[in-house]
Amino acid sequence: MTMREEENDGGPGETRHAALSLERLAVQLLQYRPREARTNDLSTQQIIIMAAIADRPGCGVNALSAQTGMFQSTISRSLSGLLKKGLVRREKSPKDTRAVELFLSDEGQRIISSTRQEWRDRVSAMLAEMVPSDRASLLTGLDLLVRAIPRLSD
């Protein structure tokens, strides 16, 4: 059996190849800092938190923790900086006066919109360099990966 066949047989070679590839991907994604993050001195965690708030306006820290997988203490520290910069605002919940709801300010919304557009542009450029069959394979693989990833943390 050749090395390539060993990597594609579901055995240790394939597992090693997949694990190393996922590790490299995770590192590269963690190192990616959008232009708006650099310009506004925002951490990757703060961008992730802002994106989560944009997706669920009015959410609280518990919901952010569940959505992002970050510890509540990490979110609270990151939120402190975002509140000071005026990118996020806190409001008392009309349903529960003990609860706080989080919203992006107009500037926070602008930053997330710009960040998402930058990401889409970069992904579009990457996909444009691929032949159609490779693009289709990548998209299928990404769908499979997104469904499989939650099992890694079980």
N, C-alpha and C. Protein backbone atom coordinates (compact mmCIF):
# COMPACT_ATOMS: atom_id res chain seq x y z
N MET A 1 0.85 -1.18 0.00
CA MET A 1 0.00 0.00 0.00
C MET A 1 0.90 1.24 0.00
N THR A 2 0.60 2.19 -0.87
CA THR A 2 1.40 3.42 -0.93
C THR A 2 0.99 4.35 0.19
N MET A 3 1.83 5.37 0.44
CA MET A 3 1.54 6.36 1.48
C MET A 3 0.23 7.08 1.19
N ARG A 4 -0.03 7.42 -0.07
CA ARG A 4 -1.27 8.11 -0.44
C ARG A 4 -2.47 7.20 -0.17
N GLU A 5 -2.35 5.91 -0.50
CA GLU A 5 -3.45 4.98 -0.23
C GLU A 5 -3.67 4.85 1.28
N GLU A 6 -2.57 4.83 2.04
CA GLU A 6 -2.68 4.72 3.49
C GLU A 6 -3.39 5.95 4.06
N GLU A 7 -3.14 7.15 3.46
CA GLU A 7 -3.79 8.36 3.93
C GLU A 7 -5.28 8.38 3.63
N ASN A 8 -5.75 7.55 2.71
CA ASN A 8 -7.15 7.59 2.31
C ASN A 8 -7.92 6.33 2.68
N ASP A 9 -7.39 5.54 3.59
CA ASP A 9 -8.07 4.28 3.92
C ASP A 9 -8.84 4.34 5.24
N GLY A 10 -8.91 5.51 5.86
CA GLY A 10 -9.62 5.63 7.14
C GLY A 10 -8.76 5.19 8.30
N GLY A 11 -7.53 4.82 8.04
CA GLY A 11 -6.62 4.34 9.07
C GLY A 11 -5.81 5.45 9.69
N PRO A 12 -4.72 5.05 10.40
CA PRO A 12 -3.90 6.03 11.12
C PRO A 12 -3.30 7.11 10.23
N GLY A 13 -2.91 6.77 9.01
CA GLY A 13 -2.34 7.77 8.11
C GLY A 13 -3.35 8.85 7.76
N GLU A 14 -4.57 8.43 7.47
CA GLU A 14 -5.62 9.39 7.14
C GLU A 14 -5.98 10.25 8.36
N THR A 15 -6.03 9.60 9.51
CA THR A 15 -6.34 10.33 10.74
C THR A 15 -5.26 11.36 11.02
N ARG A 16 -4.00 10.99 10.88
CA ARG A 16 -2.89 11.90 11.11
C ARG A 16 -2.96 13.09 10.14
N HIS A 17 -3.22 12.79 8.87
CA HIS A 17 -3.32 13.84 7.85
C HIS A 17 -4.46 14.81 8.19
N ALA A 18 -5.62 14.28 8.54
CA ALA A 18 -6.78 15.13 8.86
C ALA A 18 -6.51 15.96 10.11
N ALA A 19 -5.93 15.34 11.14
CA ALA A 19 -5.67 16.06 12.39
C ALA A 19 -4.68 17.21 12.16
N LEU A 20 -3.61 16.95 11.42
CA LEU A 20 -2.63 18.00 11.15
C LEU A 20 -3.23 19.11 10.30
N SER A 21 -4.04 18.75 9.32
CA SER A 21 -4.67 19.76 8.46
C SER A 21 -5.62 20.64 9.27
N LEU A 22 -6.41 20.03 10.15
CA LEU A 22 -7.33 20.80 10.99
C LEU A 22 -6.56 21.71 11.95
N GLU A 23 -5.46 21.20 12.48
CA GLU A 23 -4.63 22.01 13.39
C GLU A 23 -4.07 23.23 12.64
N ARG A 24 -3.56 23.02 11.44
CA ARG A 24 -3.03 24.13 10.65
C ARG A 24 -4.13 25.14 10.31
N LEU A 25 -5.29 24.64 9.96
CA LEU A 25 -6.42 25.52 9.64
C LEU A 25 -6.81 26.35 10.85
N ALA A 26 -6.90 25.72 12.01
CA ALA A 26 -7.26 26.45 13.23
C ALA A 26 -6.26 27.56 13.53
N VAL A 27 -4.98 27.25 13.41
CA VAL A 27 -3.94 28.25 13.68
C VAL A 27 -4.05 29.40 12.68
N GLN A 28 -4.22 29.09 11.42
CA GLN A 28 -4.33 30.14 10.41
C GLN A 28 -5.55 31.01 10.62
N LEU A 29 -6.67 30.40 10.99
CA LEU A 29 -7.88 31.19 11.24
C LEU A 29 -7.71 32.08 12.47
N LEU A 30 -7.04 31.56 13.50
CA LEU A 30 -6.82 32.36 14.70
C LEU A 30 -5.87 33.52 14.44
N GLN A 31 -4.98 33.37 13.48
CA GLN A 31 -4.03 34.44 13.16
C GLN A 31 -4.63 35.50 12.24
N TYR A 32 -5.75 35.19 11.61
CA TYR A 32 -6.39 36.15 10.70
C TYR A 32 -6.96 37.31 11.50
N ARG A 33 -6.55 38.51 11.18
CA ARG A 33 -7.09 39.72 11.81
C ARG A 33 -7.58 40.65 10.73
N PRO A 34 -8.87 40.85 10.65
CA PRO A 34 -9.41 41.74 9.61
C PRO A 34 -8.87 43.16 9.75
N ARG A 35 -8.91 43.89 8.66
CA ARG A 35 -8.43 45.28 8.61
C ARG A 35 -9.09 46.12 9.72
N GLU A 36 -10.39 45.98 9.90
CA GLU A 36 -11.09 46.77 10.93
C GLU A 36 -10.59 46.44 12.33
N ALA A 37 -10.23 45.18 12.56
CA ALA A 37 -9.70 44.80 13.87
C ALA A 37 -8.37 45.50 14.11
N ARG A 38 -7.52 45.50 13.10
CA ARG A 38 -6.21 46.15 13.23
C ARG A 38 -6.39 47.66 13.39
N THR A 39 -7.23 48.26 12.58
CA THR A 39 -7.44 49.72 12.61
C THR A 39 -8.02 50.18 13.94
N ASN A 40 -8.92 49.38 14.51
CA ASN A 40 -9.61 49.77 15.75
C ASN A 40 -9.05 49.09 16.99
N ASP A 41 -7.90 48.45 16.85
CA ASP A 41 -7.23 47.77 17.97
C ASP A 41 -8.19 46.81 18.68
N LEU A 42 -8.80 45.93 17.89
CA LEU A 42 -9.72 44.93 18.42
C LEU A 42 -9.10 43.54 18.30
N SER A 43 -9.33 42.73 19.32
CA SER A 43 -8.84 41.35 19.28
C SER A 43 -9.78 40.50 18.43
N THR A 44 -9.28 39.35 18.04
CA THR A 44 -10.13 38.40 17.31
C THR A 44 -11.35 38.03 18.16
N GLN A 45 -11.14 37.85 19.47
CA GLN A 45 -12.26 37.53 20.37
C GLN A 45 -13.31 38.63 20.35
N GLN A 46 -12.87 39.88 20.34
CA GLN A 46 -13.84 40.98 20.33
C GLN A 46 -14.62 41.01 19.01
N ILE A 47 -13.96 40.71 17.91
CA ILE A 47 -14.67 40.66 16.63
C ILE A 47 -15.70 39.53 16.65
N ILE A 48 -15.31 38.38 17.19
CA ILE A 48 -16.24 37.24 17.28
C ILE A 48 -17.44 37.60 18.15
N ILE A 49 -17.20 38.26 19.27
CA ILE A 49 -18.28 38.67 20.16
C ILE A 49 -19.20 39.68 19.47
N MET A 50 -18.61 40.64 18.78
CA MET A 50 -19.43 41.62 18.06
C MET A 50 -20.28 40.96 16.98
N ALA A 51 -19.69 40.00 16.27
CA ALA A 51 -20.45 39.28 15.24
C ALA A 51 -21.61 38.51 15.86
N ALA A 52 -21.37 37.91 17.02
CA ALA A 52 -22.43 37.16 17.70
C ALA A 52 -23.55 38.09 18.14
N ILE A 53 -23.20 39.27 18.63
CA ILE A 53 -24.22 40.26 19.03
C ILE A 53 -24.99 40.73 17.80
N ALA A 54 -24.28 40.93 16.69
CA ALA A 54 -24.95 41.33 15.45
C ALA A 54 -25.97 40.28 15.01
N ASP A 55 -25.64 39.02 15.22
CA ASP A 55 -26.53 37.92 14.82
C ASP A 55 -27.70 37.75 15.78
N ARG A 56 -27.51 38.16 17.04
CA ARG A 56 -28.56 38.00 18.05
C ARG A 56 -28.65 39.26 18.90
N PRO A 57 -29.13 40.37 18.32
CA PRO A 57 -29.22 41.61 19.10
C PRO A 57 -30.08 41.40 20.35
N GLY A 58 -29.61 41.95 21.46
CA GLY A 58 -30.36 41.81 22.71
C GLY A 58 -29.95 40.60 23.52
N CYS A 59 -28.96 39.85 23.06
CA CYS A 59 -28.53 38.67 23.81
C CYS A 59 -27.76 39.10 25.05
N GLY A 60 -27.54 38.16 25.94
CA GLY A 60 -26.76 38.41 27.14
C GLY A 60 -25.47 37.62 27.11
N VAL A 61 -24.70 37.73 28.18
CA VAL A 61 -23.40 37.06 28.26
C VAL A 61 -23.56 35.54 28.19
N ASN A 62 -24.57 34.99 28.84
CA ASN A 62 -24.78 33.53 28.79
C ASN A 62 -25.00 33.05 27.36
N ALA A 63 -25.82 33.77 26.63
CA ALA A 63 -26.09 33.40 25.23
C ALA A 63 -24.83 33.54 24.39
N LEU A 64 -24.05 34.59 24.64
CA LEU A 64 -22.78 34.76 23.91
C LEU A 64 -21.83 33.61 24.20
N SER A 65 -21.78 33.20 25.45
CA SER A 65 -20.91 32.09 25.83
C SER A 65 -21.32 30.81 25.09
N ALA A 66 -22.61 30.55 25.07
CA ALA A 66 -23.10 29.36 24.37
C ALA A 66 -22.84 29.44 22.87
N GLN A 67 -23.01 30.61 22.30
CA GLN A 67 -22.86 30.78 20.85
C GLN A 67 -21.40 30.74 20.41
N THR A 68 -20.51 31.32 21.21
CA THR A 68 -19.11 31.43 20.80
C THR A 68 -18.21 30.34 21.37
N GLY A 69 -18.66 29.69 22.44
CA GLY A 69 -17.82 28.70 23.11
C GLY A 69 -16.78 29.33 24.02
N MET A 70 -16.87 30.64 24.24
CA MET A 70 -15.93 31.33 25.13
C MET A 70 -16.46 31.30 26.55
N PHE A 71 -15.53 31.36 27.51
CA PHE A 71 -15.91 31.44 28.91
C PHE A 71 -16.56 32.80 29.18
N GLN A 72 -17.50 32.83 30.13
CA GLN A 72 -18.17 34.09 30.46
C GLN A 72 -17.18 35.15 30.93
N SER A 73 -16.14 34.74 31.65
CA SER A 73 -15.15 35.71 32.13
C SER A 73 -14.39 36.35 30.96
N THR A 74 -14.10 35.55 29.93
CA THR A 74 -13.43 36.07 28.73
C THR A 74 -14.34 37.07 28.03
N ILE A 75 -15.60 36.72 27.92
CA ILE A 75 -16.57 37.61 27.27
C ILE A 75 -16.70 38.91 28.06
N SER A 76 -16.79 38.80 29.36
CA SER A 76 -16.93 40.01 30.19
C SER A 76 -15.74 40.94 30.02
N ARG A 77 -14.52 40.39 30.00
CA ARG A 77 -13.32 41.23 29.80
C ARG A 77 -13.34 41.89 28.42
N SER A 78 -13.69 41.11 27.41
CA SER A 78 -13.74 41.66 26.05
C SER A 78 -14.83 42.72 25.92
N LEU A 79 -15.97 42.47 26.54
CA LEU A 79 -17.07 43.43 26.49
C LEU A 79 -16.68 44.76 27.14
N SER A 80 -15.90 44.69 28.19
CA SER A 80 -15.47 45.91 28.87
C SER A 80 -14.78 46.85 27.89
N GLY A 81 -13.87 46.31 27.10
CA GLY A 81 -13.18 47.13 26.10
C GLY A 81 -14.12 47.62 25.01
N LEU A 82 -15.05 46.78 24.59
CA LEU A 82 -16.00 47.17 23.54
C LEU A 82 -16.94 48.26 24.03
N LEU A 83 -17.34 48.18 25.29
CA LEU A 83 -18.20 49.21 25.87
C LEU A 83 -17.45 50.54 25.96
N LYS A 84 -16.18 50.49 26.39
CA LYS A 84 -15.37 51.71 26.51
C LYS A 84 -15.17 52.38 25.15
N LYS A 85 -15.04 51.57 24.10
CA LYS A 85 -14.84 52.11 22.75
C LYS A 85 -16.15 52.56 22.11
N GLY A 86 -17.28 52.29 22.79
CA GLY A 86 -18.57 52.69 22.25
C GLY A 86 -19.06 51.81 21.11
N LEU A 87 -18.55 50.59 21.01
CA LEU A 87 -18.95 49.69 19.93
C LEU A 87 -20.11 48.79 20.31
N VAL A 88 -20.31 48.63 21.61
CA VAL A 88 -21.42 47.83 22.14
C VAL A 88 -22.10 48.68 23.21
N ARG A 89 -23.39 48.51 23.32
CA ARG A 89 -24.12 49.19 24.40
C ARG A 89 -24.92 48.16 25.17
N ARG A 90 -25.10 48.44 26.45
CA ARG A 90 -25.87 47.59 27.36
C ARG A 90 -27.19 48.26 27.67
N GLU A 91 -28.24 47.46 27.70
CA GLU A 91 -29.54 47.99 28.10
C GLU A 91 -30.18 47.00 29.07
N LYS A 92 -30.88 47.53 30.04
CA LYS A 92 -31.63 46.65 30.96
C LYS A 92 -32.73 45.97 30.17
N SER A 93 -32.93 44.72 30.47
CA SER A 93 -33.97 43.96 29.79
C SER A 93 -35.34 44.43 30.26
N PRO A 94 -36.24 44.69 29.31
CA PRO A 94 -37.60 45.07 29.72
C PRO A 94 -38.36 43.89 30.34
N LYS A 95 -37.89 42.67 30.07
CA LYS A 95 -38.55 41.46 30.59
C LYS A 95 -38.07 41.09 31.99
N ASP A 96 -36.78 41.39 32.27
CA ASP A 96 -36.18 41.00 33.54
C ASP A 96 -35.19 42.10 33.93
N THR A 97 -35.54 42.88 34.95
CA THR A 97 -34.71 44.02 35.32
C THR A 97 -33.33 43.62 35.82
N ARG A 98 -33.13 42.34 36.17
CA ARG A 98 -31.80 41.89 36.59
C ARG A 98 -30.91 41.57 35.39
N ALA A 99 -31.53 41.35 34.25
CA ALA A 99 -30.78 40.96 33.04
C ALA A 99 -30.37 42.18 32.23
N VAL A 100 -29.29 42.00 31.47
CA VAL A 100 -28.77 43.04 30.59
C VAL A 100 -28.78 42.50 29.16
N GLU A 101 -29.20 43.35 28.23
CA GLU A 101 -29.18 42.98 26.82
C GLU A 101 -28.08 43.76 26.13
N LEU A 102 -27.44 43.12 25.15
CA LEU A 102 -26.31 43.73 24.45
C LEU A 102 -26.67 44.02 23.00
N PHE A 103 -26.24 45.19 22.55
CA PHE A 103 -26.49 45.63 21.17
C PHE A 103 -25.23 46.28 20.62
N LEU A 104 -25.05 46.22 19.32
CA LEU A 104 -23.97 46.95 18.69
C LEU A 104 -24.39 48.39 18.50
N SER A 105 -23.44 49.30 18.66
CA SER A 105 -23.70 50.69 18.31
C SER A 105 -23.66 50.79 16.78
N ASP A 106 -23.97 51.94 16.25
CA ASP A 106 -23.89 52.13 14.80
C ASP A 106 -22.47 51.85 14.30
N GLU A 107 -21.47 52.34 15.04
CA GLU A 107 -20.07 52.11 14.66
C GLU A 107 -19.72 50.63 14.77
N GLY A 108 -20.20 49.97 15.80
CA GLY A 108 -19.97 48.52 15.94
C GLY A 108 -20.58 47.76 14.78
N GLN A 109 -21.77 48.15 14.38
CA GLN A 109 -22.43 47.50 13.24
C GLN A 109 -21.65 47.75 11.95
N ARG A 110 -21.14 48.97 11.79
CA ARG A 110 -20.34 49.28 10.60
C ARG A 110 -19.08 48.42 10.55
N ILE A 111 -18.43 48.27 11.69
CA ILE A 111 -17.20 47.45 11.74
C ILE A 111 -17.50 46.01 11.38
N ILE A 112 -18.57 45.45 11.92
CA ILE A 112 -18.90 44.04 11.62
C ILE A 112 -19.31 43.89 10.16
N SER A 113 -20.08 44.82 9.64
CA SER A 113 -20.46 44.74 8.22
C SER A 113 -19.22 44.79 7.34
N SER A 114 -18.30 45.69 7.65
CA SER A 114 -17.06 45.82 6.88
C SER A 114 -16.20 44.56 7.00
N THR A 115 -16.11 44.02 8.21
CA THR A 115 -15.32 42.80 8.45
C THR A 115 -15.89 41.62 7.67
N ARG A 116 -17.20 41.49 7.70
CA ARG A 116 -17.83 40.38 6.96
C ARG A 116 -17.65 40.54 5.45
N GLN A 117 -17.72 41.78 4.97
CA GLN A 117 -17.51 42.00 3.53
C GLN A 117 -16.07 41.68 3.16
N GLU A 118 -15.12 42.07 3.99
CA GLU A 118 -13.71 41.74 3.73
C GLU A 118 -13.53 40.22 3.66
N TRP A 119 -14.13 39.52 4.60
CA TRP A 119 -14.02 38.05 4.61
C TRP A 119 -14.62 37.45 3.34
N ARG A 120 -15.83 37.92 2.96
CA ARG A 120 -16.46 37.42 1.74
C ARG A 120 -15.59 37.69 0.52
N ASP A 121 -14.99 38.87 0.46
CA ASP A 121 -14.11 39.21 -0.67
C ASP A 121 -12.90 38.29 -0.72
N ARG A 122 -12.31 37.99 0.43
CA ARG A 122 -11.15 37.09 0.46
C ARG A 122 -11.54 35.68 0.07
N VAL A 123 -12.68 35.21 0.56
CA VAL A 123 -13.15 33.86 0.19
C VAL A 123 -13.47 33.81 -1.29
N SER A 124 -14.11 34.85 -1.81
CA SER A 124 -14.43 34.91 -3.23
C SER A 124 -13.18 34.83 -4.08
N ALA A 125 -12.14 35.57 -3.70
CA ALA A 125 -10.88 35.55 -4.44
C ALA A 125 -10.25 34.16 -4.39
N MET A 126 -10.31 33.51 -3.24
CA MET A 126 -9.76 32.16 -3.10
C MET A 126 -10.52 31.18 -4.00
N LEU A 127 -11.84 31.26 -3.97
CA LEU A 127 -12.66 30.36 -4.79
C LEU A 127 -12.45 30.60 -6.28
N ALA A 128 -12.24 31.86 -6.66
CA ALA A 128 -12.05 32.20 -8.08
C ALA A 128 -10.79 31.56 -8.65
N GLU A 129 -9.82 31.27 -7.79
CA GLU A 129 -8.57 30.65 -8.24
C GLU A 129 -8.71 29.13 -8.45
N MET A 130 -9.83 28.57 -8.04
CA MET A 130 -10.03 27.12 -8.13
C MET A 130 -10.83 26.74 -9.36
N VAL A 131 -10.57 25.55 -9.84
CA VAL A 131 -11.39 25.03 -10.93
C VAL A 131 -12.74 24.62 -10.32
N PRO A 132 -13.80 24.62 -11.12
CA PRO A 132 -15.14 24.33 -10.58
C PRO A 132 -15.23 23.03 -9.78
N SER A 133 -14.59 21.98 -10.22
CA SER A 133 -14.70 20.71 -9.49
C SER A 133 -14.04 20.81 -8.11
N ASP A 134 -12.93 21.55 -8.01
CA ASP A 134 -12.30 21.74 -6.70
C ASP A 134 -13.16 22.61 -5.79
N ARG A 135 -13.81 23.64 -6.36
CA ARG A 135 -14.72 24.48 -5.58
C ARG A 135 -15.86 23.63 -5.02
N ALA A 136 -16.44 22.79 -5.86
CA ALA A 136 -17.55 21.94 -5.42
C ALA A 136 -17.09 20.98 -4.32
N SER A 137 -15.90 20.42 -4.49
CA SER A 137 -15.36 19.51 -3.46
C SER A 137 -15.12 20.25 -2.15
N LEU A 138 -14.56 21.45 -2.25
CA LEU A 138 -14.31 22.24 -1.05
C LEU A 138 -15.62 22.54 -0.32
N LEU A 139 -16.62 23.00 -1.05
CA LEU A 139 -17.90 23.35 -0.41
C LEU A 139 -18.56 22.13 0.23
N THR A 140 -18.49 20.99 -0.43
CA THR A 140 -19.03 19.75 0.15
C THR A 140 -18.26 19.40 1.41
N GLY A 141 -16.92 19.48 1.33
CA GLY A 141 -16.08 19.18 2.48
C GLY A 141 -16.34 20.12 3.65
N LEU A 142 -16.52 21.41 3.36
CA LEU A 142 -16.80 22.37 4.42
C LEU A 142 -18.13 22.06 5.11
N ASP A 143 -19.15 21.70 4.33
CA ASP A 143 -20.44 21.32 4.91
C ASP A 143 -20.27 20.12 5.85
N LEU A 144 -19.53 19.13 5.40
CA LEU A 144 -19.28 17.94 6.22
C LEU A 144 -18.51 18.32 7.49
N LEU A 145 -17.52 19.18 7.34
CA LEU A 145 -16.70 19.60 8.48
C LEU A 145 -17.53 20.36 9.51
N VAL A 146 -18.36 21.27 9.04
CA VAL A 146 -19.20 22.05 9.96
C VAL A 146 -20.12 21.13 10.77
N ARG A 147 -20.63 20.09 10.13
CA ARG A 147 -21.48 19.14 10.85
C ARG A 147 -20.67 18.25 11.80
N ALA A 148 -19.43 17.95 11.47
CA ALA A 148 -18.62 17.04 12.28
C ALA A 148 -17.92 17.74 13.45
N ILE A 149 -17.58 18.99 13.32
CA ILE A 149 -16.79 19.71 14.32
C ILE A 149 -17.39 19.61 15.74
N PRO A 150 -18.70 19.75 15.91
CA PRO A 150 -19.23 19.66 17.29
C PRO A 150 -18.86 18.35 18.00
N ARG A 151 -18.67 17.29 17.25
CA ARG A 151 -18.31 16.00 17.88
C ARG A 151 -16.89 16.03 18.45
N LEU A 152 -16.04 16.96 17.99
CA LEU A 152 -14.68 17.04 18.52
C LEU A 152 -14.68 17.49 19.98
N SER A 153 -15.70 18.23 20.39
CA SER A 153 -15.71 18.74 21.76
C SER A 153 -16.59 17.89 22.68
N ASP A 154 -17.10 16.78 22.19
CA ASP A 154 -17.89 15.88 23.06
C ASP A 154 -17.01 15.18 24.08
